[in-house]
């Protein structure tokens, strides 16, 4: 599989590439928002580090926009999953009456 991904290096306009390691969905319960499906995708970059994407960002009612964590590469897929869960739950309050899930348009 590693040889296949290297085929993209033959194209000068491709500036980066990732291999999808896996994608999972979790269901999150919130008093106001109910049960919501959140998808998590873990990918490995050209630098051999692991990165995540999440399908939704949590926006607390007291904030004008969701807080999005800086994303540094992780050394393992497990560390990338933990970073993704930190993205979802760092500001999560299950009883926040004004909270929203914001769709990640880049997922």
C-alpha atoms as a PDB file:
ATOM      1  CA  UNK A   1       0.000   0.000   0.000  1.00  0.00           C
ATOM      2  CA  UNK A   2       2.875   2.407   0.713  1.00  0.00           C
ATOM      3  CA  UNK A   3       4.032   2.103  -2.891  1.00  0.00           C
ATOM      4  CA  UNK A   4       0.582   3.038  -4.181  1.00  0.00           C
ATOM      5  CA  UNK A   5       0.432   6.300  -2.206  1.00  0.00           C
ATOM      6  CA  UNK A   6       3.850   7.278  -3.586  1.00  0.00           C
ATOM      7  CA  UNK A   7       2.358   7.322  -7.104  1.00  0.00           C
ATOM      8  CA  UNK A   8       0.854  10.710  -6.241  1.00  0.00           C
ATOM      9  CA  UNK A   9       4.375  12.114  -5.888  1.00  0.00           C
ATOM     10  CA  UNK A  10       4.695  11.944  -9.693  1.00  0.00           C
ATOM     11  CA  UNK A  11       2.312  14.903 -10.076  1.00  0.00           C
ATOM     12  CA  UNK A  12       3.961  18.253  -9.488  1.00  0.00           C
ATOM     13  CA  UNK A  13       0.777  20.086  -8.472  1.00  0.00           C
ATOM     14  CA  UNK A  14      -0.066  17.729  -5.608  1.00  0.00           C
ATOM     15  CA  UNK A  15       1.318  19.532  -2.599  1.00  0.00           C
ATOM     16  CA  UNK A  16       0.404  16.980   0.077  1.00  0.00           C
ATOM     17  CA  UNK A  17      -1.216  13.579   0.469  1.00  0.00           C
ATOM     18  CA  UNK A  18      -2.705  11.423   3.207  1.00  0.00           C
ATOM     19  CA  UNK A  19      -3.611   7.783   3.653  1.00  0.00           C
ATOM     20  CA  UNK A  20      -6.909   7.184   5.449  1.00  0.00           C
ATOM     21  CA  UNK A  21      -6.188   4.897   8.396  1.00  0.00           C
ATOM     22  CA  UNK A  22      -9.787   4.575   9.515  1.00  0.00           C
ATOM     23  CA  UNK A  23     -13.100   6.283  10.078  1.00  0.00           C
ATOM     24  CA  UNK A  24     -15.426   5.778  13.007  1.00  0.00           C
ATOM     25  CA  UNK A  25     -18.666   7.236  14.257  1.00  0.00           C
ATOM     26  CA  UNK A  26     -19.660   7.956  17.816  1.00  0.00           C
ATOM     27  CA  UNK A  27     -23.015   9.062  19.137  1.00  0.00           C
ATOM     28  CA  UNK A  28     -23.011  11.929  21.620  1.00  0.00           C
ATOM     29  CA  UNK A  29     -25.927  12.653  23.965  1.00  0.00           C
ATOM     30  CA  UNK A  30     -26.746  16.278  24.814  1.00  0.00           C
ATOM     31  CA  UNK A  31     -29.750  17.554  26.797  1.00  0.00           C
ATOM     32  CA  UNK A  32     -30.749  20.190  24.215  1.00  0.00           C
ATOM     33  CA  UNK A  33     -29.334  18.725  21.005  1.00  0.00           C
ATOM     34  CA  UNK A  34     -30.305  15.107  21.628  1.00  0.00           C
ATOM     35  CA  UNK A  35     -28.295  12.224  20.224  1.00  0.00           C
ATOM     36  CA  UNK A  36     -25.863  13.341  17.488  1.00  0.00           C
ATOM     37  CA  UNK A  37     -23.649  11.263  15.215  1.00  0.00           C
ATOM     38  CA  UNK A  38     -20.059  12.530  15.072  1.00  0.00           C
ATOM     39  CA  UNK A  39     -17.672  10.939  12.581  1.00  0.00           C
ATOM     40  CA  UNK A  40     -13.919  10.818  13.190  1.00  0.00           C
ATOM     41  CA  UNK A  41     -11.384  10.192  10.425  1.00  0.00           C
ATOM     42  CA  UNK A  42      -7.728   9.393  11.119  1.00  0.00           C
ATOM     43  CA  UNK A  43      -5.193   9.816   8.335  1.00  0.00           C
ATOM     44  CA  UNK A  44      -1.429   9.501   8.000  1.00  0.00           C
ATOM     45  CA  UNK A  45       0.543  12.220   6.256  1.00  0.00           C
ATOM     46  CA  UNK A  46       3.629  12.130   4.119  1.00  0.00           C
ATOM     47  CA  UNK A  47       5.559  12.964   7.301  1.00  0.00           C
ATOM     48  CA  UNK A  48       4.426   9.625   8.844  1.00  0.00           C
ATOM     49  CA  UNK A  49       2.437  11.540  11.487  1.00  0.00           C
ATOM     50  CA  UNK A  50      -1.278  10.950  12.168  1.00  0.00           C
ATOM     51  CA  UNK A  51      -3.989  13.609  11.889  1.00  0.00           C
ATOM     52  CA  UNK A  52      -7.715  13.730  12.491  1.00  0.00           C
ATOM     53  CA  UNK A  53     -10.832  15.238  11.012  1.00  0.00           C
ATOM     54  CA  UNK A  54     -14.157  15.446  12.837  1.00  0.00           C
ATOM     55  CA  UNK A  55     -17.527  15.857  11.152  1.00  0.00           C
ATOM     56  CA  UNK A  56     -18.814  18.432  13.647  1.00  0.00           C
ATOM     57  CA  UNK A  57     -17.455  21.056  16.000  1.00  0.00           C
ATOM     58  CA  UNK A  58     -19.123  21.816  19.322  1.00  0.00           C
ATOM     59  CA  UNK A  59     -20.009  25.451  19.885  1.00  0.00           C
ATOM     60  CA  UNK A  60     -20.869  26.417  23.458  1.00  0.00           C
ATOM     61  CA  UNK A  61     -23.764  28.859  23.782  1.00  0.00           C
ATOM     62  CA  UNK A  62     -21.458  31.442  25.338  1.00  0.00           C
ATOM     63  CA  UNK A  63     -19.143  31.528  22.300  1.00  0.00           C
ATOM     64  CA  UNK A  64     -19.558  33.205  18.892  1.00  0.00           C
ATOM     65  CA  UNK A  65     -17.797  30.332  17.121  1.00  0.00           C
ATOM     66  CA  UNK A  66     -16.597  26.839  17.920  1.00  0.00           C
ATOM     67  CA  UNK A  67     -13.148  26.460  19.394  1.00  0.00           C
ATOM     68  CA  UNK A  68     -10.908  24.539  16.982  1.00  0.00           C
ATOM     69  CA  UNK A  69      -7.743  22.991  18.408  1.00  0.00           C
ATOM     70  CA  UNK A  70      -4.377  23.469  16.712  1.00  0.00           C
ATOM     71  CA  UNK A  71      -3.494  20.226  15.065  1.00  0.00           C
ATOM     72  CA  UNK A  72       0.008  18.926  15.404  1.00  0.00           C
ATOM     73  CA  UNK A  73       0.835  15.523  14.014  1.00  0.00           C
ATOM     74  CA  UNK A  74       0.553  12.635  16.436  1.00  0.00           C
ATOM     75  CA  UNK A  75       2.897   9.639  16.591  1.00  0.00           C
ATOM     76  CA  UNK A  76       0.148   6.990  16.713  1.00  0.00           C
ATOM     77  CA  UNK A  77      -3.416   6.590  15.449  1.00  0.00           C
ATOM     78  CA  UNK A  78      -4.544   6.243  19.073  1.00  0.00           C
ATOM     79  CA  UNK A  79      -3.029   9.619  19.966  1.00  0.00           C
ATOM     80  CA  UNK A  80      -4.790  11.175  16.962  1.00  0.00           C
ATOM     81  CA  UNK A  81      -8.125   9.720  18.147  1.00  0.00           C
ATOM     82  CA  UNK A  82      -7.563  11.174  21.618  1.00  0.00           C
ATOM     83  CA  UNK A  83      -6.783  14.550  20.033  1.00  0.00           C
ATOM     84  CA  UNK A  84      -9.997  14.319  17.993  1.00  0.00           C
ATOM     85  CA  UNK A  85     -12.003  13.541  21.137  1.00  0.00           C
ATOM     86  CA  UNK A  86     -10.385  16.537  22.841  1.00  0.00           C
ATOM     87  CA  UNK A  87     -11.617  18.608  19.886  1.00  0.00           C
ATOM     88  CA  UNK A  88     -15.161  17.389  20.452  1.00  0.00           C
ATOM     89  CA  UNK A  89     -15.269  17.427  24.256  1.00  0.00           C
ATOM     90  CA  UNK A  90     -12.920  20.165  25.546  1.00  0.00           C
ATOM     91  CA  UNK A  91     -15.741  22.727  25.818  1.00  0.00           C
ATOM     92  CA  UNK A  92     -18.663  20.266  25.776  1.00  0.00           C
ATOM     93  CA  UNK A  93     -21.355  20.895  28.381  1.00  0.00           C
ATOM     94  CA  UNK A  94     -24.180  18.347  28.178  1.00  0.00           C
ATOM     95  CA  UNK A  95     -26.729  20.775  29.642  1.00  0.00           C
ATOM     96  CA  UNK A  96     -25.795  23.976  27.721  1.00  0.00           C
ATOM     97  CA  UNK A  97     -29.176  25.213  26.477  1.00  0.00           C
ATOM     98  CA  UNK A  98     -27.619  27.430  23.779  1.00  0.00           C
ATOM     99  CA  UNK A  99     -25.031  24.996  22.403  1.00  0.00           C
ATOM    100  CA  UNK A 100     -24.855  23.942  18.752  1.00  0.00           C
ATOM    101  CA  UNK A 101     -23.097  21.378  16.615  1.00  0.00           C
ATOM    102  CA  UNK A 102     -21.396  23.094  13.664  1.00  0.00           C
ATOM    103  CA  UNK A 103     -20.904  20.958  10.557  1.00  0.00           C
ATOM    104  CA  UNK A 104     -17.259  20.747   9.487  1.00  0.00           C
ATOM    105  CA  UNK A 105     -17.512  21.698   5.817  1.00  0.00           C
ATOM    106  CA  UNK A 106     -14.055  20.200   5.166  1.00  0.00           C
ATOM    107  CA  UNK A 107     -14.891  16.731   6.438  1.00  0.00           C
END
